[in-house]
Amino acid sequence: MADLPIVVGVDGSEASLRAVDWAADEAALRGASLRLVYASLWDRYEGALLAQELGKPVEEVMARDVVGAARERAERRRPGVKVTTAVLPEEPEYGLVHESRLALAVVLGCRGRSGIAEALLGSVSLMVAGHAHCPVVVLRGSHDNQARAGIHGRIAVGVGEKPAGSSAVRFATEEAGLRGVSLEAVRAWRRPAHATTGHPLLAGEPVHLYERQAVEALEEALRDAPADLDVRRHSVEGRARDVLIAASYEADLLVVGARRRHGHFGLQLGRVAHGVLHHAACPVAVVPELH
């Protein structure tokens, strides 16, 4: 695994440069190389927009310029990290999903502007996060061109329906260990519709049962966590998407799992992962669950 690179989708935008910074830091943490990938057909949608951002005529906004500038930036930030580049003659979502087959992770920027450019890049992020063969990190939470150092000292991870052997929990645990920060495992639970506190025969035990199951899921998910890791368990009543979005405001990275569906291409994002990718206040890592 250490020989696999961290892949970054670059297009010359400030958001993708921030992704380069973040990925360079991650590569340094993991002792991995960095692979900067530009899909040339992105020009079809955003050539004029990128030209305006870079202050150059459209004909000068070429793939080699973009990856060259990204490479220089990565090498300045982390001189010890090996950096390679690639220009792919295909749509970015398909190129990056293909790259994910031999990658530690794929890192993507997230733009803060409105309009068609955001919609198109949003579709790329969602497509890659939903179909990649490795973790995908989408850098939400800031819309300038700087990757900020972690300020919360915490990685948050959502614990799903099958907590045992969760790839998302394993990724989050490893990330917390590498950064030397705490891990907050979050499990949302909801009382059944008939369990209302207003009815004496239905109140109490059913609610406690669901809460207890959430606590047990957290324990199961964290069973193999290193003893020296600062781990916090947090069971919260509410919708999983809302609970995780709330947790993202006090985390430097939010990790969620995505499950494969047999007969489908790669991963299919559920409502929870889709929701946090749109609304989280920090970078989000979507990790394939292989069981």
Protein backbone atom coordinates (compact mmCIF):
# COMPACT_ATOMS: atom_id res chain seq x y z
CA MET A 1 0.00 0.00 0.00
CA ALA A 2 2.85 2.41 0.77
CA ASP A 3 3.93 2.21 -2.90
CA LEU A 4 0.57 3.51 -4.12
CA PRO A 5 0.30 7.25 -4.79
CA ILE A 6 -2.21 9.79 -3.59
CA VAL A 7 -3.98 11.06 -6.72
CA VAL A 8 -5.16 14.66 -7.05
CA GLY A 9 -7.53 15.92 -9.71
CA VAL A 10 -6.16 19.28 -10.89
CA ASP A 11 -7.65 21.85 -13.26
CA GLY A 12 -5.84 25.08 -12.42
CA SER A 13 -8.55 26.42 -10.13
CA GLU A 14 -7.89 27.66 -6.60
CA ALA A 15 -9.92 24.74 -5.26
CA SER A 16 -7.71 22.19 -7.01
CA LEU A 17 -4.56 23.95 -5.81
CA ARG A 18 -5.83 23.66 -2.27
CA ALA A 19 -6.36 19.95 -2.97
CA VAL A 20 -2.71 19.73 -4.07
CA ASP A 21 -1.61 21.27 -0.76
CA TRP A 22 -3.77 18.95 1.30
CA ALA A 23 -2.69 15.87 -0.64
CA ALA A 24 0.99 16.84 -0.39
CA ASP A 25 0.67 17.04 3.40
CA GLU A 26 -1.11 13.68 3.43
CA ALA A 27 1.55 12.09 1.24
CA ALA A 28 4.24 13.35 3.62
CA LEU A 29 2.36 11.84 6.58
CA ARG A 30 2.03 8.47 4.88
CA GLY A 31 5.40 8.34 3.15
CA ALA A 32 3.59 8.12 -0.18
CA SER A 33 4.11 9.71 -3.57
CA LEU A 34 1.81 12.25 -5.19
CA ARG A 35 0.23 11.89 -8.64
CA LEU A 36 -1.31 15.02 -10.18
CA VAL A 37 -3.89 14.23 -12.85
CA TYR A 38 -5.45 16.59 -15.37
CA ALA A 39 -8.27 15.33 -17.61
CA SER A 40 -7.98 17.31 -20.85
CA LEU A 41 -11.66 17.26 -21.71
CA TRP A 42 -12.34 19.55 -18.75
CA ASP A 43 -11.50 22.37 -21.21
CA ARG A 44 -14.75 21.64 -23.01
CA TYR A 45 -16.72 22.94 -20.04
CA GLU A 46 -14.45 25.42 -18.34
CA GLY A 47 -11.76 26.68 -20.72
CA ALA A 48 -12.95 30.27 -20.67
CA LEU A 49 -13.58 30.23 -16.93
CA LEU A 50 -10.13 28.87 -16.15
CA ALA A 51 -8.58 31.38 -18.50
CA GLN A 52 -10.25 34.20 -16.60
CA GLU A 53 -9.03 32.81 -13.26
CA LEU A 54 -5.45 32.39 -14.46
CA GLY A 55 -5.34 35.71 -16.34
CA LYS A 56 -4.35 34.10 -19.64
CA PRO A 57 -5.93 33.71 -23.06
CA VAL A 58 -7.87 30.49 -23.55
CA GLU A 59 -5.23 29.01 -25.86
CA GLU A 60 -2.60 29.30 -23.11
CA VAL A 61 -4.63 27.41 -20.54
CA MET A 62 -3.23 24.05 -21.46
CA ALA A 63 -2.98 20.82 -19.55
CA ARG A 64 0.81 20.91 -19.28
CA ASP A 65 0.73 24.39 -17.79
CA VAL A 66 -1.79 23.29 -15.21
CA VAL A 67 0.00 20.16 -14.07
CA GLY A 68 3.36 21.92 -14.19
CA ALA A 69 2.17 24.69 -11.89
CA ALA A 70 0.56 22.16 -9.57
CA ARG A 71 3.77 20.15 -9.45
CA GLU A 72 5.85 23.20 -8.56
CA ARG A 73 3.40 24.05 -5.80
CA ALA A 74 3.51 20.54 -4.32
CA GLU A 75 7.30 20.42 -4.44
CA ARG A 76 7.59 23.78 -2.69
CA ARG A 77 5.19 22.68 0.02
CA ARG A 78 6.66 19.21 0.59
CA PRO A 79 10.12 18.95 -1.01
CA GLY A 80 10.60 15.38 0.17
CA VAL A 81 7.51 13.99 -1.56
CA LYS A 82 7.93 12.39 -4.98
CA VAL A 83 5.56 14.00 -7.51
CA THR A 84 4.47 12.67 -10.90
CA THR A 85 1.94 14.09 -13.35
CA ALA A 86 -0.45 12.75 -15.97
CA VAL A 87 -2.72 14.24 -18.62
CA LEU A 88 -5.67 12.03 -19.48
CA PRO A 89 -7.55 12.33 -22.79
CA GLU A 90 -10.94 11.62 -21.22
CA GLU A 91 -13.65 13.02 -19.00
CA PRO A 92 -12.40 13.73 -15.46
CA GLU A 93 -14.85 11.48 -13.63
CA TYR A 94 -13.95 8.40 -15.67
CA GLY A 95 -10.24 9.16 -15.66
CA LEU A 96 -10.11 9.65 -11.90
CA VAL A 97 -12.19 6.53 -11.17
CA HIS A 98 -9.74 4.57 -13.34
CA GLU A 99 -6.81 6.14 -11.47
CA SER A 100 -8.41 5.11 -8.16
CA ARG A 101 -7.72 1.45 -8.91
CA LEU A 102 -4.06 1.98 -8.05
CA ALA A 103 -4.20 4.80 -5.50
CA LEU A 104 -4.09 5.22 -1.74
CA ALA A 105 -6.71 7.96 -2.08
CA VAL A 106 -8.11 10.46 -4.57
CA VAL A 107 -8.27 14.11 -3.46
CA LEU A 108 -10.59 16.66 -5.07
CA GLY A 109 -11.16 20.35 -4.52
CA CYS A 110 -14.62 21.80 -3.97
CA ARG A 111 -15.42 25.22 -5.41
CA GLY A 112 -17.40 27.80 -3.52
CA ARG A 113 -18.95 29.64 -6.44
CA SER A 114 -22.49 29.20 -7.62
CA GLY A 115 -23.76 28.51 -11.11
CA ILE A 116 -23.02 25.93 -13.77
CA ALA A 117 -19.31 25.58 -12.93
CA GLU A 118 -20.14 24.45 -9.41
CA ALA A 119 -22.81 22.07 -10.71
CA LEU A 120 -20.40 20.47 -13.16
CA LEU A 121 -17.57 20.10 -10.65
CA GLY A 122 -20.08 18.90 -8.08
CA SER A 123 -21.14 16.16 -10.45
CA VAL A 124 -17.51 15.13 -10.91
CA SER A 125 -16.93 14.97 -7.15
CA LEU A 126 -20.09 12.95 -6.60
CA MET A 127 -19.33 10.59 -9.48
CA VAL A 128 -15.79 9.92 -8.30
CA ALA A 129 -16.80 9.59 -4.63
CA GLY A 130 -19.55 7.17 -5.62
CA HIS A 131 -17.52 4.93 -7.89
CA ALA A 132 -13.88 5.06 -6.82
CA HIS A 133 -12.01 1.97 -5.67
CA CYS A 134 -10.19 3.80 -2.86
CA PRO A 135 -11.02 6.56 -0.36
CA VAL A 136 -12.00 9.88 -1.95
CA VAL A 137 -11.39 13.13 -0.05
CA VAL A 138 -13.45 16.15 -1.08
CA LEU A 139 -12.14 19.39 0.42
CA ARG A 140 -15.12 21.19 1.80
CA GLY A 141 -14.98 23.84 4.51
CA SER A 142 -12.91 26.59 2.87
CA HIS A 143 -13.04 28.29 -0.50
CA ASP A 144 -9.69 30.04 -0.68
CA ASN A 145 -6.57 28.52 -2.16
CA GLN A 146 -4.87 27.57 1.11
CA ALA A 147 -4.94 24.22 2.85
CA ARG A 148 -5.30 25.04 6.53
CA ALA A 149 -3.64 23.12 9.31
CA GLY A 150 -6.08 21.25 11.52
CA ILE A 151 -7.47 23.49 14.23
CA HIS A 152 -9.78 21.08 16.05
CA GLY A 153 -7.36 18.21 16.64
CA ARG A 154 -10.07 15.70 15.84
CA ILE A 155 -11.08 13.22 13.14
CA ALA A 156 -14.79 12.29 13.10
CA VAL A 157 -16.12 9.05 11.63
CA GLY A 158 -19.68 7.89 11.08
CA VAL A 159 -20.37 4.36 12.33
CA GLY A 160 -22.85 2.59 10.07
CA GLU A 161 -25.13 -0.42 10.21
CA LYS A 162 -22.30 -2.96 9.98
CA PRO A 163 -19.65 -1.62 12.35
CA ALA A 164 -17.45 -4.72 12.55
CA GLY A 165 -14.45 -4.43 10.25
CA SER A 166 -15.55 -1.07 8.87
CA SER A 167 -13.11 0.29 6.29
CA ALA A 168 -14.22 3.84 7.13
CA VAL A 169 -13.42 3.35 10.83
CA ARG A 170 -10.09 1.77 9.96
CA PHE A 171 -9.20 4.69 7.67
CA ALA A 172 -10.24 7.24 10.31
CA THR A 173 -8.30 5.42 13.03
CA GLU A 174 -5.18 5.38 10.88
CA GLU A 175 -5.59 9.04 9.98
CA ALA A 176 -6.00 10.06 13.62
CA GLY A 177 -2.92 8.07 14.56
CA LEU A 178 -0.81 9.63 11.80
CA ARG A 179 -1.87 13.14 12.78
CA GLY A 180 -1.64 12.52 16.52
CA VAL A 181 -5.19 13.73 17.14
CA SER A 182 -8.31 12.29 18.77
CA LEU A 183 -10.90 10.15 17.02
CA GLU A 184 -14.60 10.80 17.52
CA ALA A 185 -16.80 7.89 16.47
CA VAL A 186 -20.39 9.00 15.88
CA ARG A 187 -23.43 6.75 15.72
CA ALA A 188 -26.86 8.24 15.04
CA TRP A 189 -29.98 6.47 16.20
CA ARG A 190 -33.69 7.12 15.93
CA ARG A 191 -36.56 5.89 18.01
CA PRO A 192 -39.25 3.93 16.14
CA ALA A 193 -42.29 5.92 15.10
CA HIS A 194 -44.52 4.23 17.69
CA ALA A 195 -42.14 4.88 20.60
CA THR A 196 -43.48 8.19 21.88
CA THR A 197 -42.76 9.54 25.32
CA GLY A 198 -46.38 10.59 25.65
CA HIS A 199 -47.74 7.05 25.95
CA PRO A 200 -46.88 5.29 29.24
CA LEU A 201 -46.97 1.81 27.68
CA LEU A 202 -44.71 2.73 24.77
CA ALA A 203 -42.27 5.07 26.47
CA GLY A 204 -38.98 3.97 27.99
CA GLU A 205 -37.71 0.56 27.00
CA PRO A 206 -38.01 0.78 23.19
CA VAL A 207 -36.11 4.07 23.19
CA HIS A 208 -33.45 2.76 25.58
CA LEU A 209 -33.12 -0.33 23.38
CA TYR A 210 -32.25 1.70 20.28
CA GLU A 211 -29.87 3.90 22.21
CA ARG A 212 -28.18 0.86 23.71
CA GLN A 213 -27.79 -0.67 20.24
CA ALA A 214 -26.07 2.50 19.09
CA VAL A 215 -23.64 2.32 22.02
CA GLU A 216 -22.95 -1.35 21.26
CA ALA A 217 -22.30 -0.50 17.60
CA LEU A 218 -19.72 2.06 18.65
CA GLU A 219 -17.96 -0.47 20.87
CA GLU A 220 -17.94 -3.03 18.07
CA ALA A 221 -16.57 -0.54 15.55
CA LEU A 222 -13.74 0.53 17.86
CA ARG A 223 -12.82 -2.92 19.10
CA ASP A 224 -9.48 -2.90 17.25
CA ALA A 225 -8.58 0.76 17.85
CA PRO A 226 -5.05 1.22 19.24
CA ALA A 227 -4.96 1.49 23.01
CA ASP A 228 -2.90 4.69 22.89
CA LEU A 229 -5.36 6.51 20.61
CA ASP A 230 -7.66 9.08 22.22
CA VAL A 231 -11.09 7.76 21.20
CA ARG A 232 -14.42 9.42 21.96
CA ARG A 233 -17.74 7.69 21.47
CA HIS A 234 -20.78 9.76 20.63
CA SER A 235 -24.28 8.29 20.19
CA VAL A 236 -26.85 10.87 19.13
CA GLU A 237 -30.57 10.67 18.46
CA GLY A 238 -31.35 12.09 15.04
CA ARG A 239 -30.93 11.61 11.32
CA ALA A 240 -27.45 10.34 10.48
CA ARG A 241 -26.85 13.04 7.88
CA ASP A 242 -27.72 15.85 10.29
CA VAL A 243 -25.73 14.32 13.15
CA LEU A 244 -22.61 13.96 11.00
CA ILE A 245 -22.90 17.45 9.53
CA ALA A 246 -23.07 18.79 13.09
CA ALA A 247 -19.96 16.78 14.00
CA SER A 248 -18.11 18.24 10.99
CA TYR A 249 -18.09 21.70 12.59
CA GLU A 250 -15.69 20.44 15.26
CA ALA A 251 -13.55 18.13 13.11
CA ASP A 252 -10.64 18.53 10.71
CA LEU A 253 -11.84 15.57 8.63
CA LEU A 254 -15.15 13.70 8.49
CA VAL A 255 -15.00 10.07 7.35
CA VAL A 256 -18.02 8.17 6.04
CA GLY A 257 -18.39 4.76 4.43
CA ALA A 258 -20.00 3.83 1.11
CA ARG A 259 -21.09 0.28 0.33
CA ARG A 260 -20.75 -1.59 -2.93
CA ARG A 261 -23.89 -2.90 -4.58
CA HIS A 262 -23.59 -6.10 -6.57
CA GLY A 263 -24.39 -5.61 -10.23
CA HIS A 264 -23.58 -1.90 -10.14
CA PHE A 265 -20.48 0.00 -11.27
CA GLY A 266 -18.33 0.60 -8.21
CA LEU A 267 -19.95 2.42 -5.32
CA GLN A 268 -23.33 4.00 -5.00
CA LEU A 269 -23.57 6.93 -2.60
CA GLY A 270 -26.39 6.74 -0.11
CA ARG A 271 -28.26 9.71 1.29
CA VAL A 272 -25.89 10.15 4.22
CA ALA A 273 -22.69 10.38 2.18
CA HIS A 274 -24.41 12.49 -0.46
CA GLY A 275 -25.69 14.87 2.20
CA VAL A 276 -22.39 15.38 3.99
CA LEU A 277 -20.54 15.92 0.72
CA HIS A 278 -22.88 18.82 0.03
CA HIS A 279 -23.09 20.34 3.51
CA ALA A 280 -20.14 19.35 5.73
CA ALA A 281 -18.06 22.14 7.27
CA CYS A 282 -14.75 20.27 6.85
CA PRO A 283 -13.10 17.96 4.31
CA VAL A 284 -14.97 14.69 3.79
CA ALA A 285 -13.44 11.28 3.11
CA VAL A 286 -15.73 8.72 1.48
CA VAL A 287 -14.33 5.24 2.04
CA PRO A 288 -15.46 2.10 0.16
CA GLU A 289 -16.87 -0.56 2.47
CA LEU A 290 -15.85 -3.93 1.07
CA HIS A 291 -18.14 -6.18 3.08
